[in-house]
Amino acid sequence: MERYVWRNYIKEGMEKEYIRRHNEGFWPEMTELFHECGIHNYSIWLVENEVIGYMECEKGVEYALACQQASEVKSRWDEYMKDILVRKNDPDTGKPYPIHQVFLHP
């Protein structure tokens, strides 16, 4: 089981809407997609306007990310969230900046 962490930023003043969309309007199709992609223990944390996601990938991180990327459901979710999120990606790769684990206490 591999672990993966990501981060994004919520546009100023949109924190409550971000929370609402996840707590009141999270799509069952996204939950199904997570199962298909082998994603478990997925949680999102909020610090000011920064959101940090954590997930465990039973089939590996590369598989989980590629599985989501190929999904029409994930594309629709990204479109739904783009008005409240700012994604800061590496300009050279177009991918999110990697977050490296430096410590784990099992």
N, C-alpha and C. Protein backbone atom coordinates (compact mmCIF):
# COMPACT_ATOMS: atom_id res chain seq x y z
N MET A 1 0.86 -1.18 0.00
CA MET A 1 0.00 0.00 0.00
C MET A 1 0.90 1.24 0.00
N GLU A 2 0.76 2.04 -1.02
CA GLU A 2 1.53 3.30 -1.08
C GLU A 2 0.65 4.46 -0.63
N ARG A 3 1.28 5.44 0.00
CA ARG A 3 0.57 6.64 0.44
C ARG A 3 0.89 7.79 -0.51
N TYR A 4 -0.08 8.69 -0.65
CA TYR A 4 0.09 9.85 -1.53
C TYR A 4 -0.51 11.08 -0.85
N VAL A 5 0.19 12.18 -0.95
CA VAL A 5 -0.27 13.45 -0.40
C VAL A 5 -0.24 14.50 -1.50
N TRP A 6 -1.28 15.34 -1.55
CA TRP A 6 -1.34 16.43 -2.51
C TRP A 6 -1.80 17.70 -1.78
N ARG A 7 -1.62 18.83 -2.46
CA ARG A 7 -2.13 20.08 -1.89
C ARG A 7 -2.64 21.00 -3.00
N ASN A 8 -3.63 21.78 -2.65
CA ASN A 8 -4.20 22.81 -3.51
C ASN A 8 -4.54 24.01 -2.64
N TYR A 9 -5.01 25.04 -3.27
CA TYR A 9 -5.36 26.26 -2.55
C TYR A 9 -6.76 26.68 -2.93
N ILE A 10 -7.52 27.10 -1.93
CA ILE A 10 -8.87 27.57 -2.15
C ILE A 10 -8.82 29.07 -2.38
N LYS A 11 -9.58 29.55 -3.35
CA LYS A 11 -9.64 30.98 -3.59
C LYS A 11 -10.19 31.68 -2.34
N GLU A 12 -9.69 32.87 -2.10
CA GLU A 12 -10.08 33.62 -0.91
C GLU A 12 -11.60 33.74 -0.78
N GLY A 13 -12.09 33.44 0.41
CA GLY A 13 -13.51 33.55 0.69
C GLY A 13 -14.33 32.35 0.26
N MET A 14 -13.71 31.32 -0.31
CA MET A 14 -14.45 30.17 -0.82
C MET A 14 -14.31 28.92 0.07
N GLU A 15 -13.73 29.08 1.26
CA GLU A 15 -13.51 27.93 2.13
C GLU A 15 -14.82 27.22 2.50
N LYS A 16 -15.83 27.98 2.87
CA LYS A 16 -17.11 27.37 3.26
C LYS A 16 -17.74 26.64 2.08
N GLU A 17 -17.62 27.19 0.89
CA GLU A 17 -18.17 26.53 -0.29
C GLU A 17 -17.42 25.23 -0.58
N TYR A 18 -16.10 25.24 -0.42
CA TYR A 18 -15.30 24.03 -0.62
C TYR A 18 -15.78 22.94 0.33
N ILE A 19 -15.95 23.29 1.59
CA ILE A 19 -16.41 22.32 2.59
C ILE A 19 -17.82 21.84 2.25
N ARG A 20 -18.70 22.75 1.87
CA ARG A 20 -20.07 22.38 1.53
C ARG A 20 -20.10 21.38 0.38
N ARG A 21 -19.30 21.63 -0.65
CA ARG A 21 -19.31 20.73 -1.82
C ARG A 21 -18.85 19.32 -1.45
N HIS A 22 -17.98 19.22 -0.48
CA HIS A 22 -17.52 17.89 -0.08
C HIS A 22 -18.48 17.24 0.92
N ASN A 23 -19.03 18.00 1.83
CA ASN A 23 -19.89 17.42 2.87
C ASN A 23 -21.33 17.21 2.42
N GLU A 24 -21.84 18.09 1.58
CA GLU A 24 -23.24 18.01 1.18
C GLU A 24 -23.42 17.52 -0.24
N GLY A 25 -22.40 17.70 -1.07
CA GLY A 25 -22.61 17.40 -2.47
C GLY A 25 -21.60 16.48 -3.10
N PHE A 26 -20.90 15.67 -2.28
CA PHE A 26 -19.91 14.77 -2.87
C PHE A 26 -20.61 13.69 -3.67
N TRP A 27 -20.18 13.49 -4.88
CA TRP A 27 -20.85 12.60 -5.81
C TRP A 27 -20.58 11.13 -5.49
N PRO A 28 -21.61 10.32 -5.49
CA PRO A 28 -21.41 8.86 -5.32
C PRO A 28 -20.50 8.28 -6.40
N GLU A 29 -20.55 8.87 -7.60
CA GLU A 29 -19.68 8.38 -8.69
C GLU A 29 -18.19 8.54 -8.35
N MET A 30 -17.86 9.59 -7.57
CA MET A 30 -16.47 9.77 -7.16
C MET A 30 -16.07 8.69 -6.16
N THR A 31 -16.97 8.36 -5.25
CA THR A 31 -16.69 7.28 -4.30
C THR A 31 -16.47 5.97 -5.05
N GLU A 32 -17.30 5.70 -6.05
CA GLU A 32 -17.13 4.49 -6.87
C GLU A 32 -15.79 4.51 -7.59
N LEU A 33 -15.41 5.67 -8.11
CA LEU A 33 -14.13 5.80 -8.80
C LEU A 33 -12.96 5.51 -7.86
N PHE A 34 -13.03 6.02 -6.63
CA PHE A 34 -11.96 5.74 -5.67
C PHE A 34 -11.82 4.23 -5.45
N HIS A 35 -12.93 3.54 -5.32
CA HIS A 35 -12.88 2.08 -5.15
C HIS A 35 -12.26 1.42 -6.37
N GLU A 36 -12.68 1.82 -7.56
CA GLU A 36 -12.13 1.25 -8.80
C GLU A 36 -10.63 1.48 -8.90
N CYS A 37 -10.17 2.64 -8.44
CA CYS A 37 -8.76 3.00 -8.55
C CYS A 37 -7.91 2.49 -7.38
N GLY A 38 -8.55 1.79 -6.44
CA GLY A 38 -7.82 1.23 -5.29
C GLY A 38 -7.44 2.27 -4.26
N ILE A 39 -8.23 3.34 -4.13
CA ILE A 39 -7.94 4.41 -3.19
C ILE A 39 -8.74 4.20 -1.91
N HIS A 40 -8.03 4.25 -0.78
CA HIS A 40 -8.66 4.05 0.53
C HIS A 40 -8.13 5.12 1.51
N ASN A 41 -8.86 5.25 2.61
CA ASN A 41 -8.45 6.18 3.67
C ASN A 41 -8.12 7.56 3.12
N TYR A 42 -8.99 8.04 2.26
CA TYR A 42 -8.80 9.34 1.62
C TYR A 42 -9.34 10.41 2.57
N SER A 43 -8.51 11.36 2.91
CA SER A 43 -8.95 12.46 3.77
C SER A 43 -8.36 13.76 3.25
N ILE A 44 -9.06 14.85 3.54
CA ILE A 44 -8.61 16.18 3.13
C ILE A 44 -8.58 17.05 4.38
N TRP A 45 -7.52 17.82 4.51
CA TRP A 45 -7.30 18.69 5.67
C TRP A 45 -7.22 20.13 5.19
N LEU A 46 -7.70 21.03 6.00
CA LEU A 46 -7.74 22.46 5.66
C LEU A 46 -6.91 23.26 6.65
N VAL A 47 -5.98 24.07 6.12
CA VAL A 47 -5.18 25.00 6.91
C VAL A 47 -5.27 26.35 6.21
N GLU A 48 -5.99 27.29 6.83
CA GLU A 48 -6.27 28.57 6.21
C GLU A 48 -6.90 28.33 4.84
N ASN A 49 -6.24 28.69 3.75
CA ASN A 49 -6.83 28.42 2.43
C ASN A 49 -6.13 27.27 1.70
N GLU A 50 -5.28 26.55 2.39
CA GLU A 50 -4.57 25.42 1.79
C GLU A 50 -5.29 24.12 2.15
N VAL A 51 -5.53 23.29 1.14
CA VAL A 51 -6.11 21.97 1.38
C VAL A 51 -5.05 20.92 1.09
N ILE A 52 -4.96 19.95 1.99
CA ILE A 52 -3.97 18.89 1.88
C ILE A 52 -4.72 17.57 1.88
N GLY A 53 -4.50 16.79 0.85
CA GLY A 53 -5.17 15.50 0.73
C GLY A 53 -4.21 14.37 1.00
N TYR A 54 -4.73 13.31 1.61
CA TYR A 54 -3.97 12.11 1.91
C TYR A 54 -4.79 10.91 1.46
N MET A 55 -4.14 9.97 0.77
CA MET A 55 -4.84 8.76 0.39
C MET A 55 -3.86 7.59 0.36
N GLU A 56 -4.42 6.41 0.57
CA GLU A 56 -3.64 5.18 0.49
C GLU A 56 -4.07 4.45 -0.77
N CYS A 57 -3.08 3.99 -1.53
CA CYS A 57 -3.33 3.42 -2.86
C CYS A 57 -2.91 1.95 -2.87
N GLU A 58 -3.90 1.06 -2.85
CA GLU A 58 -3.60 -0.37 -2.75
C GLU A 58 -2.93 -0.92 -4.00
N LYS A 59 -3.14 -0.28 -5.15
CA LYS A 59 -2.52 -0.75 -6.39
C LYS A 59 -1.35 0.13 -6.80
N GLY A 60 -0.92 1.00 -5.90
CA GLY A 60 0.19 1.90 -6.16
C GLY A 60 -0.29 3.28 -6.56
N VAL A 61 0.53 4.27 -6.29
CA VAL A 61 0.19 5.66 -6.57
C VAL A 61 0.03 5.90 -8.07
N GLU A 62 0.97 5.41 -8.86
CA GLU A 62 0.91 5.65 -10.31
C GLU A 62 -0.39 5.11 -10.90
N TYR A 63 -0.79 3.91 -10.48
CA TYR A 63 -2.04 3.34 -10.96
C TYR A 63 -3.23 4.21 -10.54
N ALA A 64 -3.28 4.59 -9.26
CA ALA A 64 -4.40 5.38 -8.75
C ALA A 64 -4.54 6.71 -9.49
N LEU A 65 -3.41 7.37 -9.73
CA LEU A 65 -3.45 8.66 -10.42
C LEU A 65 -3.86 8.49 -11.88
N ALA A 66 -3.31 7.49 -12.55
CA ALA A 66 -3.65 7.25 -13.96
C ALA A 66 -5.11 6.84 -14.10
N CYS A 67 -5.59 6.02 -13.19
CA CYS A 67 -6.98 5.58 -13.20
C CYS A 67 -7.93 6.78 -13.08
N GLN A 68 -7.61 7.68 -12.16
CA GLN A 68 -8.44 8.88 -12.01
C GLN A 68 -8.36 9.77 -13.24
N GLN A 69 -7.14 9.95 -13.74
CA GLN A 69 -6.93 10.83 -14.89
C GLN A 69 -7.71 10.37 -16.11
N ALA A 70 -7.89 9.06 -16.26
CA ALA A 70 -8.60 8.51 -17.41
C ALA A 70 -10.12 8.57 -17.25
N SER A 71 -10.58 9.00 -16.10
CA SER A 71 -12.01 8.96 -15.80
C SER A 71 -12.75 10.24 -16.19
N GLU A 72 -13.87 10.05 -16.87
CA GLU A 72 -14.75 11.17 -17.20
C GLU A 72 -15.34 11.78 -15.94
N VAL A 73 -15.58 10.97 -14.93
CA VAL A 73 -16.14 11.46 -13.66
C VAL A 73 -15.16 12.43 -13.01
N LYS A 74 -13.89 12.08 -12.98
CA LYS A 74 -12.87 12.96 -12.39
C LYS A 74 -12.76 14.26 -13.18
N SER A 75 -12.87 14.18 -14.49
CA SER A 75 -12.83 15.40 -15.31
C SER A 75 -13.99 16.32 -14.97
N ARG A 76 -15.18 15.74 -14.79
CA ARG A 76 -16.35 16.55 -14.42
C ARG A 76 -16.18 17.16 -13.02
N TRP A 77 -15.61 16.38 -12.07
CA TRP A 77 -15.38 16.90 -10.72
C TRP A 77 -14.39 18.07 -10.76
N ASP A 78 -13.32 17.93 -11.52
CA ASP A 78 -12.34 19.01 -11.64
C ASP A 78 -12.98 20.27 -12.21
N GLU A 79 -13.84 20.10 -13.20
CA GLU A 79 -14.55 21.24 -13.79
C GLU A 79 -15.46 21.89 -12.75
N TYR A 80 -16.15 21.07 -11.96
CA TYR A 80 -17.04 21.55 -10.92
C TYR A 80 -16.30 22.35 -9.84
N MET A 81 -15.05 21.98 -9.58
CA MET A 81 -14.28 22.62 -8.50
C MET A 81 -13.40 23.77 -8.98
N LYS A 82 -13.24 23.95 -10.28
CA LYS A 82 -12.25 24.90 -10.76
C LYS A 82 -12.55 26.36 -10.42
N ASP A 83 -13.80 26.69 -10.14
CA ASP A 83 -14.12 28.07 -9.80
C ASP A 83 -13.73 28.44 -8.37
N ILE A 84 -13.39 27.45 -7.55
CA ILE A 84 -13.02 27.75 -6.16
C ILE A 84 -11.60 27.31 -5.80
N LEU A 85 -10.92 26.60 -6.70
CA LEU A 85 -9.58 26.10 -6.43
C LEU A 85 -8.51 26.77 -7.29
N VAL A 86 -7.33 26.90 -6.70
CA VAL A 86 -6.14 27.32 -7.44
C VAL A 86 -5.16 26.16 -7.33
N ARG A 87 -4.79 25.61 -8.46
CA ARG A 87 -3.83 24.50 -8.47
C ARG A 87 -2.47 25.04 -8.89
N LYS A 88 -1.50 24.85 -8.04
CA LYS A 88 -0.14 25.32 -8.32
C LYS A 88 0.68 24.11 -8.73
N ASN A 89 0.93 24.01 -10.04
CA ASN A 89 1.67 22.88 -10.59
C ASN A 89 3.07 23.31 -11.02
N ASP A 90 3.94 22.34 -11.11
CA ASP A 90 5.30 22.55 -11.60
C ASP A 90 5.20 22.95 -13.07
N PRO A 91 5.71 24.12 -13.46
CA PRO A 91 5.59 24.56 -14.85
C PRO A 91 6.35 23.66 -15.83
N ASP A 92 7.36 22.94 -15.36
CA ASP A 92 8.13 22.06 -16.24
C ASP A 92 7.39 20.77 -16.57
N THR A 93 6.64 20.23 -15.58
CA THR A 93 5.98 18.95 -15.78
C THR A 93 4.47 19.07 -15.92
N GLY A 94 3.91 20.17 -15.43
CA GLY A 94 2.46 20.33 -15.42
C GLY A 94 1.78 19.55 -14.31
N LYS A 95 2.57 18.85 -13.51
CA LYS A 95 2.04 18.04 -12.42
C LYS A 95 2.18 18.80 -11.10
N PRO A 96 1.39 18.39 -10.10
CA PRO A 96 1.56 19.02 -8.78
C PRO A 96 2.98 18.83 -8.27
N TYR A 97 3.45 19.81 -7.51
CA TYR A 97 4.76 19.67 -6.88
C TYR A 97 4.72 18.46 -5.96
N PRO A 98 5.75 17.62 -6.01
CA PRO A 98 5.74 16.44 -5.15
C PRO A 98 5.89 16.83 -3.68
N ILE A 99 5.23 16.06 -2.84
CA ILE A 99 5.38 16.20 -1.39
C ILE A 99 6.08 14.95 -0.91
N HIS A 100 7.23 15.10 -0.30
CA HIS A 100 8.06 13.97 0.08
C HIS A 100 7.90 13.65 1.57
N GLN A 101 7.67 12.39 1.85
CA GLN A 101 7.59 11.94 3.24
C GLN A 101 8.98 11.93 3.82
N VAL A 102 9.14 12.49 5.02
CA VAL A 102 10.44 12.47 5.68
C VAL A 102 10.43 11.68 6.98
N PHE A 103 9.24 11.33 7.46
CA PHE A 103 9.17 10.58 8.71
C PHE A 103 7.85 9.81 8.77
N LEU A 104 7.90 8.61 9.32
CA LEU A 104 6.71 7.80 9.53
C LEU A 104 6.89 7.01 10.81
N HIS A 105 5.94 7.14 11.71
CA HIS A 105 5.91 6.31 12.90
C HIS A 105 4.77 5.32 12.76
N PRO A 106 5.07 4.06 12.47
CA PRO A 106 4.00 3.09 12.21
C PRO A 106 3.21 2.72 13.48
